[in-house]
């Protein structure tokens, strides 16, 4: 027996046969959809962790100037944490999605 060449390939898209209106219609597609959602949440969580480490590093390096120098990193981190997690923080649903874009008044 030899080693398998290459790494397993994961599909990055949602399963084709999943019907959100009737999720129990195809149990295999339902499980694949659940795995897809969990995988995407873990990716978002890990991205937020990486950004948090960058913010910590910036705070340490910049010292008292971190308000100006690290502002863009903090804004990226706060934006990346919106809607991340497993929904157990009891926030209103309006805060779970991406931040709505401000509409300019004409």
C-alpha atoms as a PDB file:
ATOM      1  CA  UNK A   1       0.000   0.000   0.000  1.00  0.00           C
ATOM      2  CA  UNK A   2       1.309   3.373  -0.936  1.00  0.00           C
ATOM      3  CA  UNK A   3       0.369   6.876  -0.056  1.00  0.00           C
ATOM      4  CA  UNK A   4      -2.372   8.556  -1.941  1.00  0.00           C
ATOM      5  CA  UNK A   5      -1.087  11.331  -4.102  1.00  0.00           C
ATOM      6  CA  UNK A   6      -2.462  14.800  -3.531  1.00  0.00           C
ATOM      7  CA  UNK A   7      -4.905  16.122  -1.018  1.00  0.00           C
ATOM      8  CA  UNK A   8      -8.646  15.451  -1.016  1.00  0.00           C
ATOM      9  CA  UNK A   9     -10.581  18.016  -2.960  1.00  0.00           C
ATOM     10  CA  UNK A  10     -13.517  19.761  -1.341  1.00  0.00           C
ATOM     11  CA  UNK A  11     -16.261  21.397  -3.290  1.00  0.00           C
ATOM     12  CA  UNK A  12     -16.423  25.057  -2.390  1.00  0.00           C
ATOM     13  CA  UNK A  13     -19.980  25.553  -3.579  1.00  0.00           C
ATOM     14  CA  UNK A  14     -23.258  24.573  -2.009  1.00  0.00           C
ATOM     15  CA  UNK A  15     -24.702  21.206  -3.074  1.00  0.00           C
ATOM     16  CA  UNK A  16     -26.778  21.232  -6.235  1.00  0.00           C
ATOM     17  CA  UNK A  17     -29.751  19.155  -5.092  1.00  0.00           C
ATOM     18  CA  UNK A  18     -30.523  21.085  -1.902  1.00  0.00           C
ATOM     19  CA  UNK A  19     -33.979  22.668  -1.732  1.00  0.00           C
ATOM     20  CA  UNK A  20     -34.246  25.251   1.108  1.00  0.00           C
ATOM     21  CA  UNK A  21     -38.053  25.111   0.951  1.00  0.00           C
ATOM     22  CA  UNK A  22     -38.054  21.358   1.625  1.00  0.00           C
ATOM     23  CA  UNK A  23     -34.677  20.438   3.196  1.00  0.00           C
ATOM     24  CA  UNK A  24     -35.693  16.884   4.163  1.00  0.00           C
ATOM     25  CA  UNK A  25     -36.520  15.956   0.562  1.00  0.00           C
ATOM     26  CA  UNK A  26     -32.934  14.857  -0.098  1.00  0.00           C
ATOM     27  CA  UNK A  27     -31.146  13.852   3.142  1.00  0.00           C
ATOM     28  CA  UNK A  28     -27.742  13.579   1.477  1.00  0.00           C
ATOM     29  CA  UNK A  29     -27.998  17.108   0.075  1.00  0.00           C
ATOM     30  CA  UNK A  30     -29.158  18.344   3.482  1.00  0.00           C
ATOM     31  CA  UNK A  31     -26.076  16.890   5.194  1.00  0.00           C
ATOM     32  CA  UNK A  32     -23.823  18.272   2.456  1.00  0.00           C
ATOM     33  CA  UNK A  33     -25.413  21.698   2.885  1.00  0.00           C
ATOM     34  CA  UNK A  34     -24.903  21.546   6.649  1.00  0.00           C
ATOM     35  CA  UNK A  35     -21.236  20.624   6.129  1.00  0.00           C
ATOM     36  CA  UNK A  36     -20.873  23.464   3.630  1.00  0.00           C
ATOM     37  CA  UNK A  37     -22.330  25.995   6.092  1.00  0.00           C
ATOM     38  CA  UNK A  38     -20.101  24.761   8.924  1.00  0.00           C
ATOM     39  CA  UNK A  39     -17.020  24.881   6.694  1.00  0.00           C
ATOM     40  CA  UNK A  40     -17.787  28.450   5.615  1.00  0.00           C
ATOM     41  CA  UNK A  41     -18.360  29.557   9.231  1.00  0.00           C
ATOM     42  CA  UNK A  42     -15.009  28.075  10.276  1.00  0.00           C
ATOM     43  CA  UNK A  43     -13.301  29.932   7.451  1.00  0.00           C
ATOM     44  CA  UNK A  44     -14.885  33.217   8.612  1.00  0.00           C
ATOM     45  CA  UNK A  45     -13.877  32.533  12.215  1.00  0.00           C
ATOM     46  CA  UNK A  46     -10.271  31.810  11.261  1.00  0.00           C
ATOM     47  CA  UNK A  47     -10.086  34.967   9.117  1.00  0.00           C
ATOM     48  CA  UNK A  48     -11.316  36.978  12.106  1.00  0.00           C
ATOM     49  CA  UNK A  49      -8.656  35.363  14.322  1.00  0.00           C
ATOM     50  CA  UNK A  50      -5.929  36.301  11.849  1.00  0.00           C
ATOM     51  CA  UNK A  51      -7.152  39.899  11.746  1.00  0.00           C
ATOM     52  CA  UNK A  52      -7.285  39.992  15.556  1.00  0.00           C
ATOM     53  CA  UNK A  53      -3.640  38.904  15.716  1.00  0.00           C
ATOM     54  CA  UNK A  54      -2.731  41.680  13.253  1.00  0.00           C
ATOM     55  CA  UNK A  55      -4.542  44.234  15.433  1.00  0.00           C
ATOM     56  CA  UNK A  56      -2.691  43.004  18.556  1.00  0.00           C
ATOM     57  CA  UNK A  57       0.623  43.224  16.744  1.00  0.00           C
ATOM     58  CA  UNK A  58      -0.154  46.727  15.494  1.00  0.00           C
ATOM     59  CA  UNK A  59      -1.146  47.887  19.001  1.00  0.00           C
ATOM     60  CA  UNK A  60       2.134  46.595  20.423  1.00  0.00           C
ATOM     61  CA  UNK A  61       4.315  48.071  17.698  1.00  0.00           C
ATOM     62  CA  UNK A  62       2.651  51.481  17.378  1.00  0.00           C
ATOM     63  CA  UNK A  63       2.202  52.191  21.078  1.00  0.00           C
ATOM     64  CA  UNK A  64       0.417  55.476  21.744  1.00  0.00           C
ATOM     65  CA  UNK A  65      -0.130  56.100  18.034  1.00  0.00           C
ATOM     66  CA  UNK A  66      -2.258  52.998  17.602  1.00  0.00           C
ATOM     67  CA  UNK A  67      -5.455  55.075  17.312  1.00  0.00           C
ATOM     68  CA  UNK A  68      -4.325  56.505  13.985  1.00  0.00           C
ATOM     69  CA  UNK A  69      -2.003  53.794  12.718  1.00  0.00           C
ATOM     70  CA  UNK A  70      -4.210  50.745  13.412  1.00  0.00           C
ATOM     71  CA  UNK A  71      -7.622  52.190  12.606  1.00  0.00           C
ATOM     72  CA  UNK A  72      -7.924  50.415   9.254  1.00  0.00           C
ATOM     73  CA  UNK A  73      -7.046  47.056  10.837  1.00  0.00           C
ATOM     74  CA  UNK A  74      -9.604  47.561  13.602  1.00  0.00           C
ATOM     75  CA  UNK A  75     -12.293  48.468  11.078  1.00  0.00           C
ATOM     76  CA  UNK A  76     -11.471  45.344   9.020  1.00  0.00           C
ATOM     77  CA  UNK A  77     -11.570  43.214  12.167  1.00  0.00           C
ATOM     78  CA  UNK A  78     -14.909  44.623  13.328  1.00  0.00           C
ATOM     79  CA  UNK A  79     -16.386  44.160   9.850  1.00  0.00           C
ATOM     80  CA  UNK A  80     -15.131  40.569   9.719  1.00  0.00           C
ATOM     81  CA  UNK A  81     -16.734  39.706  13.072  1.00  0.00           C
ATOM     82  CA  UNK A  82     -20.219  40.808  12.019  1.00  0.00           C
ATOM     83  CA  UNK A  83     -22.292  37.700  11.540  1.00  0.00           C
ATOM     84  CA  UNK A  84     -19.450  35.365  12.537  1.00  0.00           C
ATOM     85  CA  UNK A  85     -20.146  32.687  15.084  1.00  0.00           C
ATOM     86  CA  UNK A  86     -22.912  30.269  15.805  1.00  0.00           C
ATOM     87  CA  UNK A  87     -25.728  32.702  16.663  1.00  0.00           C
ATOM     88  CA  UNK A  88     -25.680  32.234  20.419  1.00  0.00           C
ATOM     89  CA  UNK A  89     -24.895  35.794  21.370  1.00  0.00           C
ATOM     90  CA  UNK A  90     -28.563  36.964  21.525  1.00  0.00           C
ATOM     91  CA  UNK A  91     -27.998  39.985  19.302  1.00  0.00           C
ATOM     92  CA  UNK A  92     -30.827  41.208  17.076  1.00  0.00           C
ATOM     93  CA  UNK A  93     -30.845  39.578  13.653  1.00  0.00           C
ATOM     94  CA  UNK A  94     -30.143  42.959  12.021  1.00  0.00           C
ATOM     95  CA  UNK A  95     -26.629  42.876  13.511  1.00  0.00           C
ATOM     96  CA  UNK A  96     -25.783  39.381  12.254  1.00  0.00           C
ATOM     97  CA  UNK A  97     -25.564  40.161   8.556  1.00  0.00           C
ATOM     98  CA  UNK A  98     -23.028  42.260   6.729  1.00  0.00           C
ATOM     99  CA  UNK A  99     -23.045  45.940   7.519  1.00  0.00           C
ATOM    100  CA  UNK A 100     -25.565  47.768   5.292  1.00  0.00           C
ATOM    101  CA  UNK A 101     -24.065  50.333   2.977  1.00  0.00           C
ATOM    102  CA  UNK A 102     -24.926  53.936   3.768  1.00  0.00           C
ATOM    103  CA  UNK A 103     -27.183  55.493   1.160  1.00  0.00           C
ATOM    104  CA  UNK A 104     -26.137  58.999   0.257  1.00  0.00           C
ATOM    105  CA  UNK A 105     -28.848  61.651   0.306  1.00  0.00           C
ATOM    106  CA  UNK A 106     -29.150  63.582  -2.912  1.00  0.00           C
END
